C-alpha atoms as a PDB file:
ATOM      1  CA  MET A   1     -12.362  31.498  -5.502  1.00  0.00           C
ATOM      2  CA  GLN A   2     -13.618  34.843  -5.624  1.00  0.00           C
ATOM      3  CA  ARG A   3     -11.980  36.001  -2.383  1.00  0.00           C
ATOM      4  CA  LYS A   4      -9.009  34.668  -0.661  1.00  0.00           C
ATOM      5  CA  LEU A   5     -10.012  32.044   2.314  1.00  0.00           C
ATOM      6  CA  THR A   6      -8.176  30.835   5.203  1.00  0.00           C
ATOM      7  CA  VAL A   7      -9.249  27.316   6.047  1.00  0.00           C
ATOM      8  CA  THR A   8      -7.456  25.333   8.836  1.00  0.00           C
ATOM      9  CA  ILE A   9      -7.629  21.552   8.377  1.00  0.00           C
ATOM     10  CA  CYS A  10      -7.357  19.348  11.700  1.00  0.00           C
ATOM     11  CA  GLY A  11      -6.021  16.059  11.044  1.00  0.00           C
ATOM     12  CA  GLY A  12      -3.211  13.931   9.671  1.00  0.00           C
ATOM     13  CA  GLY A  13      -4.726  10.991   7.816  1.00  0.00           C
ATOM     14  CA  ASN A  14      -5.594  10.392   4.253  1.00  0.00           C
ATOM     15  CA  MET A  15      -8.561  12.969   3.960  1.00  0.00           C
ATOM     16  CA  ALA A  16      -6.788  15.585   5.629  1.00  0.00           C
ATOM     17  CA  HIS A  17      -3.879  15.227   3.351  1.00  0.00           C
ATOM     18  CA  ALA A  18      -6.457  15.207   0.494  1.00  0.00           C
ATOM     19  CA  GLN A  19      -8.447  18.310   1.587  1.00  0.00           C
ATOM     20  CA  ALA A  20      -5.145  20.256   2.252  1.00  0.00           C
ATOM     21  CA  ALA A  21      -3.886  19.647  -1.245  1.00  0.00           C
ATOM     22  CA  TYR A  22      -7.325  19.981  -3.114  1.00  0.00           C
ATOM     23  CA  LEU A  23      -8.150  23.320  -1.281  1.00  0.00           C
ATOM     24  CA  ALA A  24      -4.405  24.567  -1.707  1.00  0.00           C
ATOM     25  CA  ARG A  25      -4.804  24.188  -5.531  1.00  0.00           C
ATOM     26  CA  LYS A  26      -7.869  26.501  -5.470  1.00  0.00           C
ATOM     27  CA  ASN A  27      -5.823  29.167  -3.961  1.00  0.00           C
ATOM     28  CA  VAL A  28      -7.166  28.900  -0.286  1.00  0.00           C
ATOM     29  CA  THR A  29      -4.754  29.703   2.400  1.00  0.00           C
ATOM     30  CA  VAL A  30      -4.293  26.286   3.995  1.00  0.00           C
ATOM     31  CA  ASN A  31      -3.296  25.583   7.696  1.00  0.00           C
ATOM     32  CA  VAL A  32      -2.768  22.092   9.051  1.00  0.00           C
ATOM     33  CA  TYR A  33      -3.574  21.488  12.832  1.00  0.00           C
ATOM     34  CA  THR A  34      -1.812  18.109  13.654  1.00  0.00           C
ATOM     35  CA  ARG A  35      -0.043  16.408  16.448  1.00  0.00           C
ATOM     36  CA  HIS A  36       3.125  15.875  14.428  1.00  0.00           C
ATOM     37  CA  PRO A  37       3.859  19.287  12.551  1.00  0.00           C
ATOM     38  CA  GLU A  38       7.636  18.219  12.268  1.00  0.00           C
ATOM     39  CA  SER A  39       6.633  15.556   9.914  1.00  0.00           C
ATOM     40  CA  TRP A  40       5.058  17.896   7.488  1.00  0.00           C
ATOM     41  CA  ALA A  41       6.635  19.804   4.615  1.00  0.00           C
ATOM     42  CA  THR A  42       6.041  23.266   3.580  1.00  0.00           C
ATOM     43  CA  HIS A  43       4.469  22.094   0.291  1.00  0.00           C
ATOM     44  CA  ILE A  44       2.907  18.872  -0.414  1.00  0.00           C
ATOM     45  CA  GLN A  45       2.770  16.967  -3.827  1.00  0.00           C
ATOM     46  CA  ALA A  46      -0.492  15.899  -5.153  1.00  0.00           C
ATOM     47  CA  ALA A  47      -1.564  13.719  -8.069  1.00  0.00           C
ATOM     48  CA  PHE A  48      -5.387  14.800  -8.599  1.00  0.00           C
ATOM     49  CA  PHE A  49      -7.988  12.674 -10.354  1.00  0.00           C
ATOM     50  CA  ASP A  50      -8.337  14.751 -13.148  1.00  0.00           C
ATOM     51  CA  GLY A  51      -5.086  13.851 -14.116  1.00  0.00           C
ATOM     52  CA  ASP A  52      -3.267  17.386 -12.730  1.00  0.00           C
ATOM     53  CA  SER A  53      -0.019  16.775 -10.493  1.00  0.00           C
ATOM     54  CA  LYS A  54       1.052  19.751  -8.720  1.00  0.00           C
ATOM     55  CA  THR A  55       3.281  20.808  -5.686  1.00  0.00           C
ATOM     56  CA  VAL A  56       1.132  23.266  -3.763  1.00  0.00           C
ATOM     57  CA  PRO A  57       1.890  25.405  -0.636  1.00  0.00           C
ATOM     58  CA  LEU A  58       0.609  25.047   2.902  1.00  0.00           C
ATOM     59  CA  ASN A  59       0.582  28.175   5.088  1.00  0.00           C
ATOM     60  CA  LYS A  60       1.029  27.197   8.509  1.00  0.00           C
ATOM     61  CA  ILE A  61       1.509  23.735  10.273  1.00  0.00           C
ATOM     62  CA  SER A  62       1.354  23.577  14.072  1.00  0.00           C
ATOM     63  CA  SER A  63       0.102  21.443  17.053  1.00  0.00           C
ATOM     64  CA  ASP A  64      -1.010  24.947  18.704  1.00  0.00           C
ATOM     65  CA  ALA A  65      -4.857  24.730  18.834  1.00  0.00           C
ATOM     66  CA  THR A  66      -4.595  28.857  18.759  1.00  0.00           C
ATOM     67  CA  MET A  67      -3.782  28.444  14.947  1.00  0.00           C
ATOM     68  CA  VAL A  68      -7.615  28.129  14.131  1.00  0.00           C
ATOM     69  CA  GLU A  69      -8.507  31.541  15.530  1.00  0.00           C
ATOM     70  CA  GLU A  70      -7.311  33.272  12.223  1.00  0.00           C
ATOM     71  CA  SER A  71      -9.440  30.873   9.930  1.00  0.00           C
ATOM     72  CA  GLU A  72     -12.826  31.542   8.501  1.00  0.00           C
ATOM     73  CA  ILE A  73     -13.491  27.868   8.020  1.00  0.00           C
ATOM     74  CA  VAL A  74     -12.382  24.959  10.240  1.00  0.00           C
ATOM     75  CA  ILE A  75     -12.400  21.522   8.831  1.00  0.00           C
ATOM     76  CA  ILE A  76     -12.254  18.757  11.289  1.00  0.00           C
ATOM     77  CA  SER A  77     -11.111  15.409   9.471  1.00  0.00           C
ATOM     78  CA  LEU A  78     -10.325  12.804  12.046  1.00  0.00           C
ATOM     79  CA  PRO A  79     -10.988   9.106  13.149  1.00  0.00           C
ATOM     80  CA  ARG A  80     -14.279   8.913  15.019  1.00  0.00           C
ATOM     81  CA  PHE A  81     -12.545   7.914  18.232  1.00  0.00           C
ATOM     82  CA  ALA A  82     -10.400  11.130  18.117  1.00  0.00           C
ATOM     83  CA  ILE A  83     -13.179  13.721  17.257  1.00  0.00           C
ATOM     84  CA  GLU A  84     -14.543  14.428  20.700  1.00  0.00           C
ATOM     85  CA  GLU A  85     -11.149  14.980  22.288  1.00  0.00           C
ATOM     86  CA  VAL A  86      -9.858  17.288  19.456  1.00  0.00           C
ATOM     87  CA  SER A  87     -13.093  19.210  19.213  1.00  0.00           C
ATOM     88  CA  THR A  88     -12.989  19.937  22.951  1.00  0.00           C
ATOM     89  CA  GLN A  89      -9.354  21.111  22.758  1.00  0.00           C
ATOM     90  CA  LEU A  90     -10.380  23.386  19.827  1.00  0.00           C
ATOM     91  CA  LEU A  91     -13.570  24.699  21.388  1.00  0.00           C
ATOM     92  CA  PRO A  92     -11.832  27.574  23.452  1.00  0.00           C
ATOM     93  CA  HIS A  93     -10.159  28.973  20.287  1.00  0.00           C
ATOM     94  CA  LEU A  94     -13.559  28.486  17.910  1.00  0.00           C
ATOM     95  CA  THR A  95     -15.525  31.700  17.194  1.00  0.00           C
ATOM     96  CA  ASP A  96     -19.165  32.286  16.470  1.00  0.00           C
ATOM     97  CA  GLN A  97     -18.458  33.734  13.199  1.00  0.00           C
ATOM     98  CA  GLN A  98     -16.271  30.695  11.774  1.00  0.00           C
ATOM     99  CA  LEU A  99     -17.952  27.837   9.794  1.00  0.00           C
ATOM    100  CA  ILE A 100     -16.840  24.629  11.294  1.00  0.00           C
ATOM    101  CA  VAL A 101     -17.062  21.612   9.083  1.00  0.00           C
ATOM    102  CA  TYR A 102     -16.896  17.997  10.227  1.00  0.00           C
ATOM    103  CA  ALA A 103     -15.637  15.992   7.206  1.00  0.00           C
ATOM    104  CA  PRO A 104     -17.165  13.416   7.501  1.00  0.00           C
ATOM    105  CA  GLY A 105     -19.547  13.672  10.186  1.00  0.00           C
ATOM    106  CA  THR A 106     -19.999  11.672  13.410  1.00  0.00           C
ATOM    107  CA  PRO A 107     -22.453  10.336  15.649  1.00  0.00           C
ATOM    108  CA  TRP A 108     -20.954  12.675  18.431  1.00  0.00           C
ATOM    109  CA  LEU A 109     -22.814  15.412  16.599  1.00  0.00           C
ATOM    110  CA  ARG A 110     -25.973  14.111  18.294  1.00  0.00           C
ATOM    111  CA  THR A 111     -24.538  14.752  21.560  1.00  0.00           C
ATOM    112  CA  ILE A 112     -23.280  18.564  21.153  1.00  0.00           C
ATOM    113  CA  GLN A 113     -26.745  19.256  19.902  1.00  0.00           C
ATOM    114  CA  ASP A 114     -27.641  19.571  23.575  1.00  0.00           C
ATOM    115  CA  ASP A 115     -24.326  21.100  24.748  1.00  0.00           C
ATOM    116  CA  VAL A 116     -24.782  24.602  25.485  1.00  0.00           C
ATOM    117  CA  ARG A 117     -21.103  25.105  24.989  1.00  0.00           C
ATOM    118  CA  TRP A 118     -21.666  24.489  21.082  1.00  0.00           C
ATOM    119  CA  SER A 119     -24.956  26.133  20.795  1.00  0.00           C
ATOM    120  CA  SER A 120     -23.762  29.008  19.254  1.00  0.00           C
ATOM    121  CA  LYS A 121     -21.192  27.438  16.770  1.00  0.00           C
ATOM    122  CA  ARG A 122     -21.834  27.300  13.296  1.00  0.00           C
ATOM    123  CA  LEU A 123     -21.545  23.731  12.416  1.00  0.00           C
ATOM    124  CA  CYS A 124     -21.903  21.594   9.480  1.00  0.00           C
ATOM    125  CA  ALA A 125     -20.872  18.134   8.596  1.00  0.00           C
ATOM    126  CA  LEU A 126     -20.517  16.052   5.315  1.00  0.00           C
ATOM    127  CA  TYR A 127     -22.188  12.611   5.310  1.00  0.00           C
ATOM    128  CA  LYS A 128     -19.356  11.108   3.380  1.00  0.00           C
ATOM    129  CA  VAL A 129     -15.676  11.996   2.792  1.00  0.00           C
ATOM    130  CA  PRO A 130     -15.578  14.207  -0.001  1.00  0.00           C
ATOM    131  CA  PHE A 131     -12.489  12.289  -1.607  1.00  0.00           C
ATOM    132  CA  ILE A 132     -11.045   8.880  -2.043  1.00  0.00           C
ATOM    133  CA  SER A 133      -7.450   9.385  -1.262  1.00  0.00           C
ATOM    134  CA  ARG A 134      -4.191   7.846  -0.493  1.00  0.00           C
ATOM    135  CA  THR A 135      -1.240   9.369   1.592  1.00  0.00           C
ATOM    136  CA  GLU A 136       1.937   8.407  -0.354  1.00  0.00           C
ATOM    137  CA  LYS A 137       4.355   9.927   1.981  1.00  0.00           C
ATOM    138  CA  TYR A 138       3.042  11.281   5.422  1.00  0.00           C
ATOM    139  CA  GLY A 139       3.023  15.267   5.262  1.00  0.00           C
ATOM    140  CA  HIS A 140       4.595  15.406   1.842  1.00  0.00           C
ATOM    141  CA  ALA A 141       2.566  13.587  -0.698  1.00  0.00           C
ATOM    142  CA  VAL A 142      -0.861  12.411  -1.472  1.00  0.00           C
ATOM    143  CA  SER A 143      -3.039  10.796  -4.300  1.00  0.00           C
ATOM    144  CA  VAL A 144      -6.639  12.311  -4.573  1.00  0.00           C
ATOM    145  CA  LEU A 145      -8.197   9.317  -6.489  1.00  0.00           C
ATOM    146  CA  GLY A 146     -11.734  10.564  -6.826  1.00  0.00           C
ATOM    147  CA  SER A 147     -14.699  12.598  -5.661  1.00  0.00           C
ATOM    148  CA  ARG A 148     -18.099  12.340  -5.405  1.00  0.00           C
ATOM    149  CA  ASN A 149     -20.944  13.113  -7.949  1.00  0.00           C
ATOM    150  CA  VAL A 150     -23.145  14.307  -4.861  1.00  0.00           C
ATOM    151  CA  ASN A 151     -22.866  14.601  -1.221  1.00  0.00           C
ATOM    152  CA  ARG A 152     -24.974  15.174   1.791  1.00  0.00           C
ATOM    153  CA  VAL A 153     -24.653  17.960   4.542  1.00  0.00           C
ATOM    154  CA  TRP A 154     -25.968  18.483   7.955  1.00  0.00           C
ATOM    155  CA  LEU A 155     -26.641  22.084   9.122  1.00  0.00           C
ATOM    156  CA  SER A 156     -26.982  22.883  12.794  1.00  0.00           C
ATOM    157  CA  SER A 157     -29.199  25.813  11.870  1.00  0.00           C
ATOM    158  CA  SER A 158     -31.238  26.606   8.737  1.00  0.00           C
ATOM    159  CA  SER A 159     -29.485  30.023   8.799  1.00  0.00           C
ATOM    160  CA  LEU A 160     -26.477  28.331   7.517  1.00  0.00           C
ATOM    161  CA  ARG A 161     -28.012  27.384   4.061  1.00  0.00           C
ATOM    162  CA  GLY A 162     -26.329  30.467   2.574  1.00  0.00           C
ATOM    163  CA  SER A 163     -23.082  28.410   3.119  1.00  0.00           C
ATOM    164  CA  ILE A 164     -24.017  25.462   0.943  1.00  0.00           C
ATOM    165  CA  PRO A 165     -22.858  27.307  -2.210  1.00  0.00           C
ATOM    166  CA  LEU A 166     -19.351  27.976  -0.684  1.00  0.00           C
ATOM    167  CA  LEU A 167     -18.937  24.335   0.429  1.00  0.00           C
ATOM    168  CA  GLU A 168     -20.048  23.313  -3.039  1.00  0.00           C
ATOM    169  CA  GLU A 169     -17.230  25.239  -4.659  1.00  0.00           C
ATOM    170  CA  LEU A 170     -14.724  24.192  -2.317  1.00  0.00           C
ATOM    171  CA  PHE A 171     -15.088  20.445  -2.980  1.00  0.00           C
ATOM    172  CA  ASP A 172     -16.690  20.827  -6.523  1.00  0.00           C
ATOM    173  CA  THR A 173     -19.518  18.792  -5.257  1.00  0.00           C
ATOM    174  CA  PRO A 174     -23.222  19.286  -5.322  1.00  0.00           C
ATOM    175  CA  LEU A 175     -24.795  19.058  -1.800  1.00  0.00           C
ATOM    176  CA  VAL A 176     -28.082  17.954  -0.483  1.00  0.00           C
ATOM    177  CA  GLU A 177     -29.297  18.896   3.036  1.00  0.00           C
ATOM    178  CA  LEU A 178     -30.079  16.300   5.532  1.00  0.00           C
ATOM    179  CA  SER A 179     -33.010  16.375   7.422  1.00  0.00           C
ATOM    180  CA  SER A 180     -31.378  15.571  10.778  1.00  0.00           C
ATOM    181  CA  VAL A 181     -28.193  14.585  12.501  1.00  0.00           C
ATOM    182  CA  TRP A 182     -29.337  10.932  12.596  1.00  0.00           C
ATOM    183  CA  PRO A 183     -27.549   9.774   9.333  1.00  0.00           C
ATOM    184  CA  PHE A 184     -24.303   9.900  11.047  1.00  0.00           C
ATOM    185  CA  VAL A 185     -25.508   7.172  13.330  1.00  0.00           C
ATOM    186  CA  LEU A 186     -27.548   5.279  10.744  1.00  0.00           C
ATOM    187  CA  THR A 187     -25.251   4.895   8.013  1.00  0.00           C
ATOM    188  CA  ASN A 188     -24.608   2.175   5.445  1.00  0.00           C
ATOM    189  CA  SER A 189     -21.258   3.455   4.342  1.00  0.00           C
ATOM    190  CA  ASN A 190     -17.998   1.869   6.130  1.00  0.00           C
ATOM    191  CA  PRO A 191     -19.876   0.538   9.106  1.00  0.00           C
ATOM    192  CA  LEU A 192     -21.589  -1.899   6.818  1.00  0.00           C
ATOM    193  CA  LEU A 193     -19.375  -1.943   3.778  1.00  0.00           C
ATOM    194  CA  HIS A 194     -15.798  -2.880   5.342  1.00  0.00           C
ATOM    195  CA  PRO A 195     -17.083  -5.670   7.731  1.00  0.00           C
ATOM    196  CA  SER A 196     -18.971  -7.278   4.820  1.00  0.00           C
ATOM    197  CA  ARG A 197     -15.644  -7.736   3.112  1.00  0.00           C
ATOM    198  CA  LEU A 198     -13.613  -8.594   6.279  1.00  0.00           C
ATOM    199  CA  VAL A 199     -15.685 -11.276   7.865  1.00  0.00           C
ATOM    200  CA  VAL A 200     -15.598 -13.158   4.451  1.00  0.00           C
ATOM    201  CA  MET A 201     -11.862 -12.574   3.609  1.00  0.00           C
ATOM    202  CA  PHE A 202     -10.688 -13.484   7.053  1.00  0.00           C
ATOM    203  CA  LYS A 203     -13.344 -15.905   8.240  1.00  0.00           C
ATOM    204  CA  ASP A 204     -10.831 -18.845   8.549  1.00  0.00           C
ATOM    205  CA  TYR A 205      -8.120 -16.964  10.057  1.00  0.00           C
ATOM    206  CA  GLN A 206      -6.087 -18.162  13.116  1.00  0.00           C
ATOM    207  CA  HIS A 207      -2.529 -18.334  14.298  1.00  0.00           C
ATOM    208  CA  GLY A 208      -0.307 -19.834  11.755  1.00  0.00           C
ATOM    209  CA  VAL A 209      -2.662 -18.928   8.763  1.00  0.00           C
ATOM    210  CA  PHE A 210      -0.756 -16.830   6.252  1.00  0.00           C
ATOM    211  CA  TYR A 211      -2.064 -15.578   2.972  1.00  0.00           C
ATOM    212  CA  ASP A 212      -0.153 -15.655  -0.156  1.00  0.00           C
ATOM    213  CA  HIS A 213      -0.851 -11.921  -1.113  1.00  0.00           C
ATOM    214  CA  ASN A 214      -2.470  -8.725   0.246  1.00  0.00           C
ATOM    215  CA  TYR A 215      -5.842  -8.672  -1.418  1.00  0.00           C
ATOM    216  CA  LEU A 216      -7.264  -5.853  -3.407  1.00  0.00           C
ATOM    217  CA  PHE A 217     -10.012  -4.599  -1.302  1.00  0.00           C
ATOM    218  CA  TYR A 218     -12.512  -3.705  -3.821  1.00  0.00           C
ATOM    219  CA  GLU A 219     -10.949  -5.209  -7.074  1.00  0.00           C
ATOM    220  CA  GLU A 220     -11.258  -8.803  -5.605  1.00  0.00           C
ATOM    221  CA  TRP A 221     -14.375  -8.100  -3.940  1.00  0.00           C
ATOM    222  CA  THR A 222     -16.783 -11.211  -3.622  1.00  0.00           C
ATOM    223  CA  GLN A 223     -20.308 -12.182  -4.177  1.00  0.00           C
ATOM    224  CA  GLU A 224     -20.461 -13.422  -0.665  1.00  0.00           C
ATOM    225  CA  SER A 225     -19.468  -9.988   0.777  1.00  0.00           C
ATOM    226  CA  SER A 226     -22.089  -8.241  -1.753  1.00  0.00           C
ATOM    227  CA  GLU A 227     -24.906 -10.578  -0.329  1.00  0.00           C
ATOM    228  CA  LEU A 228     -23.736  -9.670   3.303  1.00  0.00           C
ATOM    229  CA  TYR A 229     -23.677  -5.929   2.513  1.00  0.00           C
ATOM    230  CA  MET A 230     -27.247  -5.963   0.905  1.00  0.00           C
ATOM    231  CA  ALA A 231     -28.521  -8.091   4.008  1.00  0.00           C
ATOM    232  CA  ALA A 232     -26.849  -5.679   6.405  1.00  0.00           C
ATOM    233  CA  ASP A 233     -28.168  -2.889   4.476  1.00  0.00           C
ATOM    234  CA  LYS A 234     -31.806  -4.467   4.631  1.00  0.00           C
ATOM    235  CA  GLU A 235     -31.620  -4.508   8.387  1.00  0.00           C
ATOM    236  CA  LEU A 236     -30.342  -1.038   8.567  1.00  0.00           C
ATOM    237  CA  LEU A 237     -33.167   0.319   6.432  1.00  0.00           C
ATOM    238  CA  ALA A 238     -35.822  -1.500   8.623  1.00  0.00           C
ATOM    239  CA  LEU A 239     -34.332   0.336  11.633  1.00  0.00           C
ATOM    240  CA  CYS A 240     -34.522   3.779   9.683  1.00  0.00           C
ATOM    241  CA  GLU A 241     -38.205   3.337   9.133  1.00  0.00           C
ATOM    242  CA  HIS A 242     -38.457   3.779  12.966  1.00  0.00           C
ATOM    243  CA  CYS A 243     -36.451   6.923  13.133  1.00  0.00           C
ATOM    244  CA  PRO A 244     -38.457  10.070  12.597  1.00  0.00           C
ATOM    245  CA  GLY A 245     -35.120  11.835  11.757  1.00  0.00           C
ATOM    246  CA  MET A 246     -34.516   9.639   8.720  1.00  0.00           C
ATOM    247  CA  VAL A 247     -35.926   9.829   5.369  1.00  0.00           C
ATOM    248  CA  ILE A 248     -35.199   7.090   2.950  1.00  0.00           C
ATOM    249  CA  GLY A 249     -33.876   8.083  -0.263  1.00  0.00           C
ATOM    250  CA  LYS A 250     -32.786  11.401   1.009  1.00  0.00           C
ATOM    251  CA  ASP A 251     -30.944  10.844   4.265  1.00  0.00           C
ATOM    252  CA  ILE A 252     -29.879   7.251   3.313  1.00  0.00           C
ATOM    253  CA  VAL A 253     -29.835   5.932  -0.004  1.00  0.00           C
ATOM    254  CA  PRO A 254     -30.402   1.884  -0.300  1.00  0.00           C
ATOM    255  CA  VAL A 255     -27.255   0.309  -1.330  1.00  0.00           C
ATOM    256  CA  SER A 256     -28.968  -1.255  -4.415  1.00  0.00           C
ATOM    257  CA  GLU A 257     -30.018   2.209  -5.658  1.00  0.00           C
ATOM    258  CA  TYR A 258     -26.663   3.936  -4.595  1.00  0.00           C
ATOM    259  CA  TYR A 259     -24.614   1.521  -6.573  1.00  0.00           C
ATOM    260  CA  GLU A 260     -27.340   0.768  -9.251  1.00  0.00           C
ATOM    261  CA  SER A 261     -27.242  -2.864  -8.616  1.00  0.00           C
ATOM    262  CA  PRO A 262     -30.603  -4.783  -8.085  1.00  0.00           C
ATOM    263  CA  ASP A 263     -28.609  -7.987  -6.931  1.00  0.00           C
ATOM    264  CA  ALA A 264     -25.646  -9.176  -5.457  1.00  0.00           C
ATOM    265  CA  GLU A 265     -23.921 -10.230  -8.667  1.00  0.00           C
ATOM    266  CA  ALA A 266     -24.633  -6.700 -10.217  1.00  0.00           C
ATOM    267  CA  LEU A 267     -23.312  -5.315  -6.918  1.00  0.00           C
ATOM    268  CA  THR A 268     -19.986  -7.250  -7.033  1.00  0.00           C
ATOM    269  CA  ARG A 269     -19.203  -6.051 -10.656  1.00  0.00           C
ATOM    270  CA  LYS A 270     -19.963  -2.610  -9.814  1.00  0.00           C
ATOM    271  CA  ILE A 271     -17.701  -2.418  -6.661  1.00  0.00           C
ATOM    272  CA  ARG A 272     -15.074  -4.243  -8.652  1.00  0.00           C
ATOM    273  CA  SER A 273     -15.053  -1.399 -11.494  1.00  0.00           C
ATOM    274  CA  ILE A 274     -15.090   1.785  -9.560  1.00  0.00           C
ATOM    275  CA  THR A 275     -12.329   3.583 -10.718  1.00  0.00           C
ATOM    276  CA  ALA A 276     -11.571   5.578  -7.341  1.00  0.00           C
ATOM    277  CA  PHE A 277     -11.268   2.104  -5.804  1.00  0.00           C
ATOM    278  CA  LYS A 278      -8.483   0.659  -8.018  1.00  0.00           C
ATOM    279  CA  GLY A 279      -5.282  -0.242  -6.331  1.00  0.00           C
ATOM    280  CA  ILE A 280      -6.666  -0.065  -2.689  1.00  0.00           C
ATOM    281  CA  ARG A 281      -5.190  -2.902  -0.719  1.00  0.00           C
ATOM    282  CA  SER A 282      -6.753  -4.862   2.414  1.00  0.00           C
ATOM    283  CA  PRO A 283      -5.533  -4.177   6.116  1.00  0.00           C
ATOM    284  CA  MET A 284      -2.687  -6.890   5.964  1.00  0.00           C
ATOM    285  CA  ILE A 285       0.844  -7.065   7.181  1.00  0.00           C
ATOM    286  CA  GLN A 286       3.613  -8.939   5.435  1.00  0.00           C
ATOM    287  CA  GLN A 287       5.639 -11.404   7.521  1.00  0.00           C
ATOM    288  CA  HIS A 288       8.349 -14.016   6.508  1.00  0.00           C
ATOM    289  CA  SER A 289       5.603 -16.875   5.937  1.00  0.00           C
ATOM    290  CA  GLY A 290       3.285 -14.581   4.173  1.00  0.00           C
ATOM    291  CA  TRP A 291       0.320 -12.139   4.780  1.00  0.00           C
ATOM    292  CA  ILE A 292      -1.930 -11.606   7.877  1.00  0.00           C
ATOM    293  CA  PRO A 293      -4.576  -9.497   9.007  1.00  0.00           C
ATOM    294  CA  ASP A 294      -3.619  -5.984  10.327  1.00  0.00           C
ATOM    295  CA  PHE A 295      -5.929  -5.777  13.328  1.00  0.00           C
ATOM    296  CA  SER A 296      -4.507  -2.459  14.337  1.00  0.00           C
ATOM    297  CA  SER A 297      -6.060  -1.145  11.110  1.00  0.00           C
ATOM    298  CA  ARG A 298      -9.134   1.377  11.463  1.00  0.00           C
ATOM    299  CA  TYR A 299     -11.166  -1.200   9.477  1.00  0.00           C
ATOM    300  CA  PHE A 300     -11.053  -3.086  12.629  1.00  0.00           C
ATOM    301  CA  THR A 301     -10.614  -0.873  15.359  1.00  0.00           C
ATOM    302  CA  GLU A 302     -12.889   2.236  14.169  1.00  0.00           C
ATOM    303  CA  ASP A 303     -15.600   1.291  11.445  1.00  0.00           C
ATOM    304  CA  VAL A 304     -17.079  -1.454  13.904  1.00  0.00           C
ATOM    305  CA  GLU A 305     -16.665   0.143  17.495  1.00  0.00           C
ATOM    306  CA  TRP A 306     -17.486   3.579  16.419  1.00  0.00           C
ATOM    307  CA  GLY A 307     -19.998   2.890  13.230  1.00  0.00           C
ATOM    308  CA  THR A 308     -21.566  -0.923  13.693  1.00  0.00           C
ATOM    309  CA  GLU A 309     -21.945  -0.951  17.375  1.00  0.00           C
ATOM    310  CA  PRO A 310     -24.015   2.277  17.899  1.00  0.00           C
ATOM    311  CA  ILE A 311     -26.566   0.871  15.082  1.00  0.00           C
ATOM    312  CA  CYS A 312     -26.822  -2.382  17.007  1.00  0.00           C
ATOM    313  CA  THR A 313     -27.263  -0.314  20.185  1.00  0.00           C
ATOM    314  CA  TYR A 314     -29.982   1.738  18.669  1.00  0.00           C
ATOM    315  CA  ALA A 315     -31.699  -1.469  17.228  1.00  0.00           C
ATOM    316  CA  ARG A 316     -31.602  -3.310  20.623  1.00  0.00           C
ATOM    317  CA  LYS A 317     -33.452  -0.347  22.304  1.00  0.00           C
ATOM    318  CA  LEU A 318     -36.356  -0.423  19.573  1.00  0.00           C
ATOM    319  CA  GLY A 319     -36.449  -4.140  19.748  1.00  0.00           C
ATOM    320  CA  ILE A 320     -35.464  -4.612  16.039  1.00  0.00           C
ATOM    321  CA  GLU A 321     -33.623  -7.595  15.126  1.00  0.00           C
ATOM    322  CA  THR A 322     -30.423  -7.050  13.265  1.00  0.00           C
ATOM    323  CA  PRO A 323     -28.516 -10.597  13.200  1.00  0.00           C
ATOM    324  CA  VAL A 324     -26.058  -9.739  10.101  1.00  0.00           C
ATOM    325  CA  LEU A 325     -24.962  -6.365  11.949  1.00  0.00           C
ATOM    326  CA  ASN A 326     -24.456  -8.072  15.146  1.00  0.00           C
ATOM    327  CA  HIS A 327     -22.381 -10.772  13.527  1.00  0.00           C
ATOM    328  CA  PHE A 328     -20.296  -8.037  12.147  1.00  0.00           C
ATOM    329  CA  VAL A 329     -19.670  -6.832  15.818  1.00  0.00           C
ATOM    330  CA  THR A 330     -19.154 -10.317  17.524  1.00  0.00           C
ATOM    331  CA  TRP A 331     -16.838 -11.425  14.822  1.00  0.00           C
ATOM    332  CA  THR A 332     -14.560  -8.224  15.146  1.00  0.00           C
ATOM    333  CA  ARG A 333     -14.689  -8.301  19.016  1.00  0.00           C
ATOM    334  CA  ASP A 334     -13.589 -11.957  18.826  1.00  0.00           C
ATOM    335  CA  LYS A 335     -10.702 -11.147  16.306  1.00  0.00           C
ATOM    336  CA  LEU A 336      -9.393  -8.183  18.369  1.00  0.00           C
ATOM    337  CA  ASN A 337      -9.520  -9.942  21.622  1.00  0.00           C
ATOM    338  CA  ARG A 338      -7.596 -12.908  20.129  1.00  0.00           C
ATOM    339  CA  TYR A 339      -5.049 -11.454  17.976  1.00  0.00           C
ATOM    340  CA  SER A 340      -4.779  -7.675  18.559  1.00  0.00           C
ATOM    341  CA  THR A 341      -1.676  -6.417  20.431  1.00  0.00           C
END
C-alpha cells in the first residue's frame, strides 16, 4: 500500500477472518468489530493460497460501534440476516467521508437506496465474496484458500468510481462495475449453488437415517446436482431478461459460461476440480450412529430464505414460472420445519 490505511471489518465469520488476515498482511491497520471480542487474539495465524503463512497483527478488537469512526474504510462482512441490524447500529458512527464496503453485497441495498439516512454515505458492494476461506480456530487462525480472477462491484454513486483501483489493490482482484443493485437479488451464486447440492444429497433423509461419512461438498458433487443448478440458472436468466437493471453477461454470468461448462457432465468435472473448493465438507453433524444433516447451517437457514426465496417472490410478481427454484424453497422449508431445533 502506498499509504497506511485503517480498515474496520465488521463480522466474525470465515470471510471476516480472511479479510482481516489478508489486509493485515498488506500493512493495513485492521480493526475488528465483533460481538465476541474476548474470543479474538491480538494476532491471527493465516495460511494463504499462494503458499505464504504468517501471523499478522490486529489493531483493535471491540464490540463498541464507535470504533468505526477512526477508519477510512468500513467493510461489512456478515450473514444476510444480520446485515440490516448491524448496519443500523453502525449508522450513527459512519461519516460521509468513509468508504463503506459490503463484502459481499445484499438485497437489503435495494431498500437503503430510498432511505434518506443513507443518501450521503459512500456505499459500495462486492458481488461475490473476495476469498474462499475456512476459519481454523475462531479469532485465532484462518486458511485463505483462494481468490477470484475477477469480481463485480456496485457503487451508490458514479463519483465513487475513483475508489475502484483502491479496492482492486486491497483484494488483488480486477473489478467490473455493476449496472444496478439488482444483481444482489437476482444472483446465481449460493442461492442456486448450495440447494442444488443439498436437495440431491439429502433427498431421502428422515429421522433414523444416518450417512457413513461427511461428504465433500464439491469434490463429491454429482451430475444430478449439476443438472439442477443449470436448470435453476435457466429460470433465473429468464427472470433477469425482464429486469431493466440486469445485463446478462455483465451483471450476471450464466453458469455454463462462468464455469466454462456447456453441459452437466462438464460442469460436474469442473466443480469437482476447483482447487479453492478442495476439502470443504458438507453441513453435517456426527452422531453415534453416523452423520446427519446440520439444519442449523447457513446453507439451510440463510441461502434459501435470504437468497432463493426473494428470487421466487419477484418471479411471482412478474408471472414467471420458476419450478426448480420453488422446489428449493419448499424442500428446505419442509426439512427445517421437520428437523430443525
